[in-house]
């Protein structure tokens, strides 16, 4: 879900930048802050705290997340957790509950909205 906030595709059903406007620290943003220099960190934090309704500032933070590799990092982590979850489920007895959980894990990863 964190990725949807940084996607410019309007088909997802969630407006871009909502998490930033709500001052939510999502994984892509946390990653970006960890890679940012002092000036960039100050800009991001100031935007979240004081300018989170300014569309230009929010767009700049979103662009910073893209440039920093925050999206790629989040996708990588998402896939790691997917594989871990599926590995754990494979240890369970094959039944409808396990099948449903596997479908849920895959749905969360593959969903578009």
PDB file of N, CA and C in Angstrom:
ATOM      1  N   UNK A   1       0.816  -1.198   0.000  1.00  0.00           N
ATOM      2  CA  UNK A   1       0.000   0.000   0.000  1.00  0.00           C
ATOM      3  C   UNK A   1       0.864   1.268   0.000  1.00  0.00           C
ATOM      4  N   UNK A   2       2.012   1.202   0.648  1.00  0.00           N
ATOM      5  CA  UNK A   2       2.905   2.371   0.683  1.00  0.00           C
ATOM      6  C   UNK A   2       3.317   2.815  -0.715  1.00  0.00           C
ATOM      7  N   UNK A   3       3.439   1.883  -1.627  1.00  0.00           N
ATOM      8  CA  UNK A   3       3.878   2.222  -2.984  1.00  0.00           C
ATOM      9  C   UNK A   3       2.851   3.044  -3.750  1.00  0.00           C
ATOM     10  N   UNK A   4       1.578   2.839  -3.462  1.00  0.00           N
ATOM     11  CA  UNK A   4       0.532   3.532  -4.200  1.00  0.00           C
ATOM     12  C   UNK A   4       0.652   5.042  -4.059  1.00  0.00           C
ATOM     13  N   UNK A   5       1.160   5.507  -2.937  1.00  0.00           N
ATOM     14  CA  UNK A   5       1.259   6.939  -2.681  1.00  0.00           C
ATOM     15  C   UNK A   5       2.264   7.626  -3.608  1.00  0.00           C
ATOM     16  N   UNK A   6       3.153   6.861  -4.195  1.00  0.00           N
ATOM     17  CA  UNK A   6       4.216   7.416  -5.031  1.00  0.00           C
ATOM     18  C   UNK A   6       4.031   7.092  -6.503  1.00  0.00           C
ATOM     19  N   UNK A   7       2.881   6.531  -6.855  1.00  0.00           N
ATOM     20  CA  UNK A   7       2.597   6.111  -8.213  1.00  0.00           C
ATOM     21  C   UNK A   7       1.816   7.206  -8.921  1.00  0.00           C
ATOM     22  N   UNK A   8       2.232   7.573 -10.106  1.00  0.00           N
ATOM     23  CA  UNK A   8       1.544   8.610 -10.878  1.00  0.00           C
ATOM     24  C   UNK A   8       0.384   8.066 -11.697  1.00  0.00           C
ATOM     25  N   UNK A   9       0.118   6.770 -11.588  1.00  0.00           N
ATOM     26  CA  UNK A   9      -0.959   6.121 -12.339  1.00  0.00           C
ATOM     27  C   UNK A   9      -2.282   6.355 -11.606  1.00  0.00           C
ATOM     28  N   UNK A  10      -3.219   7.037 -12.239  1.00  0.00           N
ATOM     29  CA  UNK A  10      -4.497   7.361 -11.607  1.00  0.00           C
ATOM     30  C   UNK A  10      -5.438   6.169 -11.505  1.00  0.00           C
ATOM     31  N   UNK A  11      -5.081   5.027 -12.073  1.00  0.00           N
ATOM     32  CA  UNK A  11      -5.971   3.865 -12.055  1.00  0.00           C
ATOM     33  C   UNK A  11      -5.963   3.137 -10.718  1.00  0.00           C
ATOM     34  N   UNK A  12      -5.110   3.531  -9.792  1.00  0.00           N
ATOM     35  CA  UNK A  12      -4.995   2.804  -8.530  1.00  0.00           C
ATOM     36  C   UNK A  12      -6.115   3.126  -7.558  1.00  0.00           C
ATOM     37  N   UNK A  13      -6.806   4.232  -7.759  1.00  0.00           N
ATOM     38  CA  UNK A  13      -7.907   4.581  -6.889  1.00  0.00           C
ATOM     39  C   UNK A  13      -7.478   5.343  -5.644  1.00  0.00           C
ATOM     40  N   UNK A  14      -6.214   5.657  -5.508  1.00  0.00           N
ATOM     41  CA  UNK A  14      -5.711   6.416  -4.365  1.00  0.00           C
ATOM     42  C   UNK A  14      -4.926   7.602  -4.912  1.00  0.00           C
ATOM     43  N   UNK A  15      -5.311   8.817  -4.528  1.00  0.00           N
ATOM     44  CA  UNK A  15      -4.566   9.978  -5.028  1.00  0.00           C
ATOM     45  C   UNK A  15      -3.107   9.941  -4.571  1.00  0.00           C
ATOM     46  N   UNK A  16      -2.219  10.416  -5.415  1.00  0.00           N
ATOM     47  CA  UNK A  16      -0.798  10.468  -5.105  1.00  0.00           C
ATOM     48  C   UNK A  16      -0.550  11.474  -3.985  1.00  0.00           C
ATOM     49  N   UNK A  17       0.327  11.108  -3.047  1.00  0.00           N
ATOM     50  CA  UNK A  17       0.743  12.027  -2.000  1.00  0.00           C
ATOM     51  C   UNK A  17      -0.116  12.053  -0.756  1.00  0.00           C
ATOM     52  N   UNK A  18      -1.138  11.226  -0.678  1.00  0.00           N
ATOM     53  CA  UNK A  18      -2.032  11.238   0.479  1.00  0.00           C
ATOM     54  C   UNK A  18      -1.279  10.923   1.774  1.00  0.00           C
ATOM     55  N   UNK A  19      -0.403   9.917   1.761  1.00  0.00           N
ATOM     56  CA  UNK A  19       0.339   9.570   2.973  1.00  0.00           C
ATOM     57  C   UNK A  19       1.213  10.733   3.427  1.00  0.00           C
ATOM     58  N   UNK A  20       1.783  11.452   2.494  1.00  0.00           N
ATOM     59  CA  UNK A  20       2.598  12.620   2.839  1.00  0.00           C
ATOM     60  C   UNK A  20       1.703  13.695   3.448  1.00  0.00           C
ATOM     61  N   UNK A  21       0.568  13.934   2.841  1.00  0.00           N
ATOM     62  CA  UNK A  21      -0.368  14.937   3.363  1.00  0.00           C
ATOM     63  C   UNK A  21      -0.853  14.565   4.759  1.00  0.00           C
ATOM     64  N   UNK A  22      -0.933  13.254   5.040  1.00  0.00           N
ATOM     65  CA  UNK A  22      -1.356  12.784   6.364  1.00  0.00           C
ATOM     66  C   UNK A  22      -0.170  12.586   7.308  1.00  0.00           C
ATOM     67  N   UNK A  23       1.003  13.009   6.885  1.00  0.00           N
ATOM     68  CA  UNK A  23       2.234  12.957   7.676  1.00  0.00           C
ATOM     69  C   UNK A  23       2.625  11.529   8.077  1.00  0.00           C
ATOM     70  N   UNK A  24       2.368  10.580   7.195  1.00  0.00           N
ATOM     71  CA  UNK A  24       2.702   9.177   7.463  1.00  0.00           C
ATOM     72  C   UNK A  24       4.108   8.871   6.967  1.00  0.00           C
ATOM     73  N   UNK A  25       4.878   8.219   7.808  1.00  0.00           N
ATOM     74  CA  UNK A  25       6.235   7.796   7.453  1.00  0.00           C
ATOM     75  C   UNK A  25       6.155   6.393   6.859  1.00  0.00           C
ATOM     76  N   UNK A  26       6.176   6.309   5.556  1.00  0.00           N
ATOM     77  CA  UNK A  26       6.095   5.027   4.870  1.00  0.00           C
ATOM     78  C   UNK A  26       7.506   4.531   4.529  1.00  0.00           C
ATOM     79  N   UNK A  27       7.617   3.264   4.190  1.00  0.00           N
ATOM     80  CA  UNK A  27       8.927   2.685   3.907  1.00  0.00           C
ATOM     81  C   UNK A  27       9.677   3.418   2.793  1.00  0.00           C
ATOM     82  N   UNK A  28       9.055   3.774   1.671  1.00  0.00           N
ATOM     83  CA  UNK A  28       9.807   4.507   0.651  1.00  0.00           C
ATOM     84  C   UNK A  28      10.364   5.829   1.183  1.00  0.00           C
ATOM     85  N   UNK A  29       9.598   6.504   2.014  1.00  0.00           N
ATOM     86  CA  UNK A  29      10.040   7.776   2.575  1.00  0.00           C
ATOM     87  C   UNK A  29      11.148   7.576   3.613  1.00  0.00           C
ATOM     88  N   UNK A  30      11.014   6.558   4.449  1.00  0.00           N
ATOM     89  CA  UNK A  30      12.050   6.250   5.438  1.00  0.00           C
ATOM     90  C   UNK A  30      13.362   5.927   4.735  1.00  0.00           C
ATOM     91  N   UNK A  31      13.295   5.134   3.684  1.00  0.00           N
ATOM     92  CA  UNK A  31      14.495   4.801   2.918  1.00  0.00           C
ATOM     93  C   UNK A  31      15.120   6.068   2.338  1.00  0.00           C
ATOM     94  N   UNK A  32      14.296   6.922   1.766  1.00  0.00           N
ATOM     95  CA  UNK A  32      14.797   8.160   1.175  1.00  0.00           C
ATOM     96  C   UNK A  32      15.479   9.023   2.223  1.00  0.00           C
ATOM     97  N   UNK A  33      14.881   9.135   3.390  1.00  0.00           N
ATOM     98  CA  UNK A  33      15.498   9.911   4.467  1.00  0.00           C
ATOM     99  C   UNK A  33      16.840   9.318   4.879  1.00  0.00           C
ATOM    100  N   UNK A  34      16.931   7.995   4.854  1.00  0.00           N
ATOM    101  CA  UNK A  34      18.191   7.347   5.248  1.00  0.00           C
ATOM    102  C   UNK A  34      19.310   7.614   4.244  1.00  0.00           C
ATOM    103  N   UNK A  35      18.965   7.935   3.004  1.00  0.00           N
ATOM    104  CA  UNK A  35      19.941   8.193   1.952  1.00  0.00           C
ATOM    105  C   UNK A  35      20.153   9.683   1.688  1.00  0.00           C
ATOM    106  N   UNK A  36      19.300  10.516   2.256  1.00  0.00           N
ATOM    107  CA  UNK A  36      19.333  11.950   1.963  1.00  0.00           C
ATOM    108  C   UNK A  36      20.459  12.657   2.710  1.00  0.00           C
ATOM    109  N   UNK A  37      20.933  13.740   2.107  1.00  0.00           N
ATOM    110  CA  UNK A  37      21.892  14.588   2.815  1.00  0.00           C
ATOM    111  C   UNK A  37      21.120  15.481   3.796  1.00  0.00           C
ATOM    112  N   UNK A  38      21.841  16.254   4.572  1.00  0.00           N
ATOM    113  CA  UNK A  38      21.232  17.065   5.626  1.00  0.00           C
ATOM    114  C   UNK A  38      20.186  18.039   5.067  1.00  0.00           C
ATOM    115  N   UNK A  39      20.506  18.688   3.967  1.00  0.00           N
ATOM    116  CA  UNK A  39      19.596  19.657   3.352  1.00  0.00           C
ATOM    117  C   UNK A  39      18.318  18.970   2.855  1.00  0.00           C
ATOM    118  N   UNK A  40      18.481  17.811   2.220  1.00  0.00           N
ATOM    119  CA  UNK A  40      17.321  17.072   1.718  1.00  0.00           C
ATOM    120  C   UNK A  40      16.435  16.590   2.864  1.00  0.00           C
ATOM    121  N   UNK A  41      17.070  16.071   3.926  1.00  0.00           N
ATOM    122  CA  UNK A  41      16.301  15.623   5.096  1.00  0.00           C
ATOM    123  C   UNK A  41      15.480  16.765   5.674  1.00  0.00           C
ATOM    124  N   UNK A  42      16.113  17.915   5.804  1.00  0.00           N
ATOM    125  CA  UNK A  42      15.422  19.085   6.350  1.00  0.00           C
ATOM    126  C   UNK A  42      14.226  19.446   5.477  1.00  0.00           C
ATOM    127  N   UNK A  43      14.408  19.432   4.150  1.00  0.00           N
ATOM    128  CA  UNK A  43      13.320  19.746   3.233  1.00  0.00           C
ATOM    129  C   UNK A  43      12.171  18.744   3.380  1.00  0.00           C
ATOM    130  N   UNK A  44      12.502  17.458   3.414  1.00  0.00           N
ATOM    131  CA  UNK A  44      11.467  16.418   3.518  1.00  0.00           C
ATOM    132  C   UNK A  44      10.696  16.552   4.825  1.00  0.00           C
ATOM    133  N   UNK A  45      11.405  16.655   5.926  1.00  0.00           N
ATOM    134  CA  UNK A  45      10.747  16.734   7.236  1.00  0.00           C
ATOM    135  C   UNK A  45       9.925  18.014   7.352  1.00  0.00           C
ATOM    136  N   UNK A  46      10.469  19.121   6.867  1.00  0.00           N
ATOM    137  CA  UNK A  46       9.735  20.381   6.895  1.00  0.00           C
ATOM    138  C   UNK A  46       8.477  20.294   6.035  1.00  0.00           C
ATOM    139  N   UNK A  47       8.580  19.622   4.907  1.00  0.00           N
ATOM    140  CA  UNK A  47       7.400  19.452   4.048  1.00  0.00           C
ATOM    141  C   UNK A  47       6.339  18.629   4.764  1.00  0.00           C
ATOM    142  N   UNK A  48       6.742  17.524   5.369  1.00  0.00           N
ATOM    143  CA  UNK A  48       5.782  16.683   6.074  1.00  0.00           C
ATOM    144  C   UNK A  48       5.109  17.423   7.222  1.00  0.00           C
ATOM    145  N   UNK A  49       5.883  18.168   7.981  1.00  0.00           N
ATOM    146  CA  UNK A  49       5.346  18.837   9.166  1.00  0.00           C
ATOM    147  C   UNK A  49       4.571  20.111   8.847  1.00  0.00           C
ATOM    148  N   UNK A  50       5.077  20.902   7.906  1.00  0.00           N
ATOM    149  CA  UNK A  50       4.538  22.253   7.734  1.00  0.00           C
ATOM    150  C   UNK A  50       3.958  22.577   6.362  1.00  0.00           C
ATOM    151  N   UNK A  51       4.312  21.790   5.365  1.00  0.00           N
ATOM    152  CA  UNK A  51       3.878  22.117   3.996  1.00  0.00           C
ATOM    153  C   UNK A  51       3.267  20.909   3.292  1.00  0.00           C
ATOM    154  N   UNK A  52       2.643  20.031   4.061  1.00  0.00           N
ATOM    155  CA  UNK A  52       2.138  18.781   3.507  1.00  0.00           C
ATOM    156  C   UNK A  52       0.896  18.944   2.638  1.00  0.00           C
ATOM    157  N   UNK A  53       0.353  20.139   2.568  1.00  0.00           N
ATOM    158  CA  UNK A  53      -0.775  20.387   1.661  1.00  0.00           C
ATOM    159  C   UNK A  53      -0.354  21.205   0.439  1.00  0.00           C
ATOM    160  N   UNK A  54       0.917  21.533   0.360  1.00  0.00           N
ATOM    161  CA  UNK A  54       1.450  22.273  -0.781  1.00  0.00           C
ATOM    162  C   UNK A  54       1.764  21.275  -1.899  1.00  0.00           C
ATOM    163  N   UNK A  55       1.002  21.292  -2.994  1.00  0.00           N
ATOM    164  CA  UNK A  55       1.174  20.275  -4.040  1.00  0.00           C
ATOM    165  C   UNK A  55       2.572  20.262  -4.663  1.00  0.00           C
ATOM    166  N   UNK A  56       3.196  21.426  -4.779  1.00  0.00           N
ATOM    167  CA  UNK A  56       4.540  21.475  -5.361  1.00  0.00           C
ATOM    168  C   UNK A  56       5.564  20.829  -4.434  1.00  0.00           C
ATOM    169  N   UNK A  57       5.458  21.098  -3.151  1.00  0.00           N
ATOM    170  CA  UNK A  57       6.392  20.513  -2.188  1.00  0.00           C
ATOM    171  C   UNK A  57       6.181  19.002  -2.088  1.00  0.00           C
ATOM    172  N   UNK A  58       4.921  18.581  -2.048  1.00  0.00           N
ATOM    173  CA  UNK A  58       4.617  17.147  -1.991  1.00  0.00           C
ATOM    174  C   UNK A  58       5.151  16.451  -3.239  1.00  0.00           C
ATOM    175  N   UNK A  59       4.961  17.067  -4.397  1.00  0.00           N
ATOM    176  CA  UNK A  59       5.466  16.490  -5.652  1.00  0.00           C
ATOM    177  C   UNK A  59       6.991  16.380  -5.618  1.00  0.00           C
ATOM    178  N   UNK A  60       7.656  17.359  -5.036  1.00  0.00           N
ATOM    179  CA  UNK A  60       9.119  17.312  -4.937  1.00  0.00           C
ATOM    180  C   UNK A  60       9.567  16.178  -4.024  1.00  0.00           C
ATOM    181  N   UNK A  61       8.869  15.963  -2.922  1.00  0.00           N
ATOM    182  CA  UNK A  61       9.209  14.839  -2.031  1.00  0.00           C
ATOM    183  C   UNK A  61       8.997  13.518  -2.769  1.00  0.00           C
ATOM    184  N   UNK A  62       7.920  13.407  -3.498  1.00  0.00           N
ATOM    185  CA  UNK A  62       7.656  12.186  -4.270  1.00  0.00           C
ATOM    186  C   UNK A  62       8.780  11.957  -5.278  1.00  0.00           C
ATOM    187  N   UNK A  63       9.203  13.001  -5.941  1.00  0.00           N
ATOM    188  CA  UNK A  63      10.300  12.888  -6.903  1.00  0.00           C
ATOM    189  C   UNK A  63      11.595  12.473  -6.200  1.00  0.00           C
ATOM    190  N   UNK A  64      11.835  12.989  -5.019  1.00  0.00           N
ATOM    191  CA  UNK A  64      13.024  12.611  -4.249  1.00  0.00           C
ATOM    192  C   UNK A  64      12.994  11.116  -3.904  1.00  0.00           C
ATOM    193  N   UNK A  65      11.814  10.626  -3.565  1.00  0.00           N
ATOM    194  CA  UNK A  65      11.663   9.195  -3.257  1.00  0.00           C
ATOM    195  C   UNK A  65      12.012   8.371  -4.496  1.00  0.00           C
ATOM    196  N   UNK A  66      11.529   8.777  -5.644  1.00  0.00           N
ATOM    197  CA  UNK A  66      11.835   8.063  -6.881  1.00  0.00           C
ATOM    198  C   UNK A  66      13.332   8.096  -7.183  1.00  0.00           C
ATOM    199  N   UNK A  67      13.933   9.275  -7.090  1.00  0.00           N
ATOM    200  CA  UNK A  67      15.353   9.422  -7.401  1.00  0.00           C
ATOM    201  C   UNK A  67      16.258   8.657  -6.436  1.00  0.00           C
ATOM    202  N   UNK A  68      15.841   8.524  -5.199  1.00  0.00           N
ATOM    203  CA  UNK A  68      16.680   7.881  -4.181  1.00  0.00           C
ATOM    204  C   UNK A  68      16.693   6.361  -4.287  1.00  0.00           C
ATOM    205  N   UNK A  69      15.746   5.798  -5.044  1.00  0.00           N
ATOM    206  CA  UNK A  69      15.627   4.344  -5.110  1.00  0.00           C
ATOM    207  C   UNK A  69      14.658   3.800  -4.071  1.00  0.00           C
ATOM    208  N   UNK A  70      13.895   4.685  -3.454  1.00  0.00           N
ATOM    209  CA  UNK A  70      12.945   4.268  -2.418  1.00  0.00           C
ATOM    210  C   UNK A  70      11.875   3.316  -2.918  1.00  0.00           C
ATOM    211  N   UNK A  71      11.462   3.488  -4.156  1.00  0.00           N
ATOM    212  CA  UNK A  71      10.444   2.601  -4.726  1.00  0.00           C
ATOM    213  C   UNK A  71      11.037   1.210  -4.939  1.00  0.00           C
ATOM    214  N   UNK A  72      12.205   1.165  -5.556  1.00  0.00           N
ATOM    215  CA  UNK A  72      12.859  -0.123  -5.820  1.00  0.00           C
ATOM    216  C   UNK A  72      13.159  -0.864  -4.516  1.00  0.00           C
ATOM    217  N   UNK A  73      13.629  -0.138  -3.513  1.00  0.00           N
ATOM    218  CA  UNK A  73      13.928  -0.749  -2.213  1.00  0.00           C
ATOM    219  C   UNK A  73      12.657  -1.352  -1.607  1.00  0.00           C
ATOM    220  N   UNK A  74      11.569  -0.616  -1.673  1.00  0.00           N
ATOM    221  CA  UNK A  74      10.312  -1.090  -1.100  1.00  0.00           C
ATOM    222  C   UNK A  74       9.795  -2.315  -1.838  1.00  0.00           C
ATOM    223  N   UNK A  75       9.896  -2.326  -3.162  1.00  0.00           N
ATOM    224  CA  UNK A  75       9.477  -3.493  -3.948  1.00  0.00           C
ATOM    225  C   UNK A  75      10.325  -4.704  -3.575  1.00  0.00           C
ATOM    226  N   UNK A  76      11.625  -4.491  -3.433  1.00  0.00           N
ATOM    227  CA  UNK A  76      12.528  -5.582  -3.052  1.00  0.00           C
ATOM    228  C   UNK A  76      12.140  -6.150  -1.690  1.00  0.00           C
ATOM    229  N   UNK A  77      11.885  -5.290  -0.718  1.00  0.00           N
ATOM    230  CA  UNK A  77      11.481  -5.741   0.619  1.00  0.00           C
ATOM    231  C   UNK A  77      10.142  -6.460   0.575  1.00  0.00           C
ATOM    232  N   UNK A  78       9.234  -5.943  -0.211  1.00  0.00           N
ATOM    233  CA  UNK A  78       7.923  -6.555  -0.342  1.00  0.00           C
ATOM    234  C   UNK A  78       8.047  -7.988  -0.865  1.00  0.00           C
ATOM    235  N   UNK A  79       8.883  -8.169  -1.873  1.00  0.00           N
ATOM    236  CA  UNK A  79       9.064  -9.502  -2.451  1.00  0.00           C
ATOM    237  C   UNK A  79       9.783 -10.443  -1.481  1.00  0.00           C
ATOM    238  N   UNK A  80      10.719  -9.902  -0.699  1.00  0.00           N
ATOM    239  CA  UNK A  80      11.388 -10.723   0.320  1.00  0.00           C
ATOM    240  C   UNK A  80      10.375 -11.247   1.324  1.00  0.00           C
ATOM    241  N   UNK A  81       9.495 -10.373   1.812  1.00  0.00           N
ATOM    242  CA  UNK A  81       8.485 -10.798   2.785  1.00  0.00           C
ATOM    243  C   UNK A  81       7.471 -11.745   2.165  1.00  0.00           C
ATOM    244  N   UNK A  82       7.170 -11.549   0.897  1.00  0.00           N
ATOM    245  CA  UNK A  82       6.270 -12.473   0.207  1.00  0.00           C
ATOM    246  C   UNK A  82       6.875 -13.874   0.211  1.00  0.00           C
ATOM    247  N   UNK A  83       8.143 -13.977  -0.162  1.00  0.00           N
ATOM    248  CA  UNK A  83       8.802 -15.282  -0.206  1.00  0.00           C
ATOM    249  C   UNK A  83       8.900 -15.918   1.181  1.00  0.00           C
ATOM    250  N   UNK A  84       9.185 -15.128   2.186  1.00  0.00           N
ATOM    251  CA  UNK A  84       9.230 -15.646   3.556  1.00  0.00           C
ATOM    252  C   UNK A  84       7.868 -16.184   3.974  1.00  0.00           C
ATOM    253  N   UNK A  85       6.828 -15.416   3.691  1.00  0.00           N
ATOM    254  CA  UNK A  85       5.477 -15.844   4.064  1.00  0.00           C
ATOM    255  C   UNK A  85       5.086 -17.126   3.339  1.00  0.00           C
ATOM    256  N   UNK A  86       5.376 -17.193   2.048  1.00  0.00           N
ATOM    257  CA  UNK A  86       5.031 -18.397   1.280  1.00  0.00           C
ATOM    258  C   UNK A  86       5.829 -19.606   1.755  1.00  0.00           C
ATOM    259  N   UNK A  87       7.080 -19.401   2.148  1.00  0.00           N
ATOM    260  CA  UNK A  87       7.898 -20.500   2.672  1.00  0.00           C
ATOM    261  C   UNK A  87       7.322 -21.043   3.963  1.00  0.00           C
ATOM    262  N   UNK A  88       6.889 -20.146   4.819  1.00  0.00           N
ATOM    263  CA  UNK A  88       6.275 -20.577   6.085  1.00  0.00           C
ATOM    264  C   UNK A  88       4.987 -21.330   5.809  1.00  0.00           C
ATOM    265  N   UNK A  89       4.187 -20.825   4.886  1.00  0.00           N
ATOM    266  CA  UNK A  89       2.919 -21.486   4.566  1.00  0.00           C
ATOM    267  C   UNK A  89       3.143 -22.871   3.963  1.00  0.00           C
ATOM    268  N   UNK A  90       4.213 -23.052   3.220  1.00  0.00           N
ATOM    269  CA  UNK A  90       4.501 -24.362   2.606  1.00  0.00           C
ATOM    270  C   UNK A  90       4.736 -25.440   3.671  1.00  0.00           C
ATOM    271  N   UNK A  91       5.123 -25.022   4.878  1.00  0.00           N
ATOM    272  CA  UNK A  91       5.343 -25.976   5.967  1.00  0.00           C
ATOM    273  C   UNK A  91       4.030 -26.456   6.570  1.00  0.00           C
ATOM    274  N   UNK A  92       2.956 -25.737   6.284  1.00  0.00           N
ATOM    275  CA  UNK A  92       1.645 -26.115   6.822  1.00  0.00           C
ATOM    276  C   UNK A  92       1.011 -27.212   5.966  1.00  0.00           C
ATOM    277  N   UNK A  93       0.072 -27.896   6.570  1.00  0.00           N
ATOM    278  CA  UNK A  93      -0.684 -28.913   5.848  1.00  0.00           C
ATOM    279  C   UNK A  93      -1.434 -28.268   4.687  1.00  0.00           C
ATOM    280  N   UNK A  94      -1.446 -28.955   3.547  1.00  0.00           N
ATOM    281  CA  UNK A  94      -2.170 -28.466   2.373  1.00  0.00           C
ATOM    282  C   UNK A  94      -3.662 -28.576   2.646  1.00  0.00           C
ATOM    283  N   UNK A  95      -4.332 -27.436   2.724  1.00  0.00           N
ATOM    284  CA  UNK A  95      -5.774 -27.414   2.926  1.00  0.00           C
ATOM    285  C   UNK A  95      -6.322 -26.061   2.455  1.00  0.00           C
ATOM    286  N   UNK A  96      -7.603 -25.854   2.598  1.00  0.00           N
ATOM    287  CA  UNK A  96      -8.241 -24.635   2.109  1.00  0.00           C
ATOM    288  C   UNK A  96      -7.701 -23.398   2.831  1.00  0.00           C
ATOM    289  N   UNK A  97      -7.447 -23.509   4.109  1.00  0.00           N
ATOM    290  CA  UNK A  97      -6.930 -22.363   4.869  1.00  0.00           C
ATOM    291  C   UNK A  97      -5.562 -21.943   4.319  1.00  0.00           C
ATOM    292  N   UNK A  98      -4.688 -22.909   4.104  1.00  0.00           N
ATOM    293  CA  UNK A  98      -3.366 -22.588   3.555  1.00  0.00           C
ATOM    294  C   UNK A  98      -3.489 -21.976   2.162  1.00  0.00           C
ATOM    295  N   UNK A  99      -4.339 -22.553   1.337  1.00  0.00           N
ATOM    296  CA  UNK A  99      -4.545 -22.018  -0.014  1.00  0.00           C
ATOM    297  C   UNK A  99      -5.038 -20.572   0.041  1.00  0.00           C
ATOM    298  N   UNK A 100      -5.962 -20.310   0.950  1.00  0.00           N
ATOM    299  CA  UNK A 100      -6.501 -18.955   1.085  1.00  0.00           C
ATOM    300  C   UNK A 100      -5.423 -17.978   1.540  1.00  0.00           C
ATOM    301  N   UNK A 101      -4.592 -18.392   2.482  1.00  0.00           N
ATOM    302  CA  UNK A 101      -3.511 -17.529   2.950  1.00  0.00           C
ATOM    303  C   UNK A 101      -2.490 -17.263   1.845  1.00  0.00           C
ATOM    304  N   UNK A 102      -2.169 -18.289   1.055  1.00  0.00           N
ATOM    305  CA  UNK A 102      -1.251 -18.089  -0.067  1.00  0.00           C
ATOM    306  C   UNK A 102      -1.831 -17.107  -1.083  1.00  0.00           C
ATOM    307  N   UNK A 103      -3.129 -17.259  -1.361  1.00  0.00           N
ATOM    308  CA  UNK A 103      -3.782 -16.340  -2.290  1.00  0.00           C
ATOM    309  C   UNK A 103      -3.775 -14.917  -1.739  1.00  0.00           C
ATOM    310  N   UNK A 104      -3.982 -14.777  -0.439  1.00  0.00           N
ATOM    311  CA  UNK A 104      -3.968 -13.456   0.181  1.00  0.00           C
ATOM    312  C   UNK A 104      -2.593 -12.806   0.070  1.00  0.00           C
ATOM    313  N   UNK A 105      -1.545 -13.568   0.367  1.00  0.00           N
ATOM    314  CA  UNK A 105      -0.182 -13.049   0.264  1.00  0.00           C
ATOM    315  C   UNK A 105       0.086 -12.578  -1.162  1.00  0.00           C
ATOM    316  N   UNK A 106      -0.269 -13.386  -2.130  1.00  0.00           N
ATOM    317  CA  UNK A 106      -0.023 -13.027  -3.528  1.00  0.00           C
ATOM    318  C   UNK A 106      -0.888 -11.848  -3.978  1.00  0.00           C
ATOM    319  N   UNK A 107      -2.118 -11.796  -3.496  1.00  0.00           N
ATOM    320  CA  UNK A 107      -3.001 -10.686  -3.857  1.00  0.00           C
ATOM    321  C   UNK A 107      -2.428  -9.356  -3.359  1.00  0.00           C
ATOM    322  N   UNK A 108      -1.988  -9.337  -2.129  1.00  0.00           N
ATOM    323  CA  UNK A 108      -1.446  -8.107  -1.546  1.00  0.00           C
ATOM    324  C   UNK A 108      -0.262  -7.598  -2.360  1.00  0.00           C
ATOM    325  N   UNK A 109       0.546  -8.505  -2.881  1.00  0.00           N
ATOM    326  CA  UNK A 109       1.728  -8.125  -3.663  1.00  0.00           C
ATOM    327  C   UNK A 109       1.351  -7.691  -5.078  1.00  0.00           C
ATOM    328  N   UNK A 110       0.411  -8.388  -5.680  1.00  0.00           N
ATOM    329  CA  UNK A 110       0.108  -8.177  -7.098  1.00  0.00           C
ATOM    330  C   UNK A 110      -1.012  -7.187  -7.364  1.00  0.00           C
ATOM    331  N   UNK A 111      -1.726  -6.783  -6.335  1.00  0.00           N
ATOM    332  CA  UNK A 111      -2.898  -5.919  -6.544  1.00  0.00           C
ATOM    333  C   UNK A 111      -2.499  -4.596  -7.169  1.00  0.00           C
ATOM    334  N   UNK A 112      -3.416  -4.012  -7.875  1.00  0.00           N
ATOM    335  CA  UNK A 112      -3.185  -2.748  -8.565  1.00  0.00           C
ATOM    336  C   UNK A 112      -3.913  -1.588  -7.909  1.00  0.00           C
ATOM    337  N   UNK A 113      -4.862  -1.875  -7.005  1.00  0.00           N
ATOM    338  CA  UNK A 113      -5.627  -0.841  -6.297  1.00  0.00           C
ATOM    339  C   UNK A 113      -5.625  -1.140  -4.823  1.00  0.00           C
TER     340      UNK A 113
END
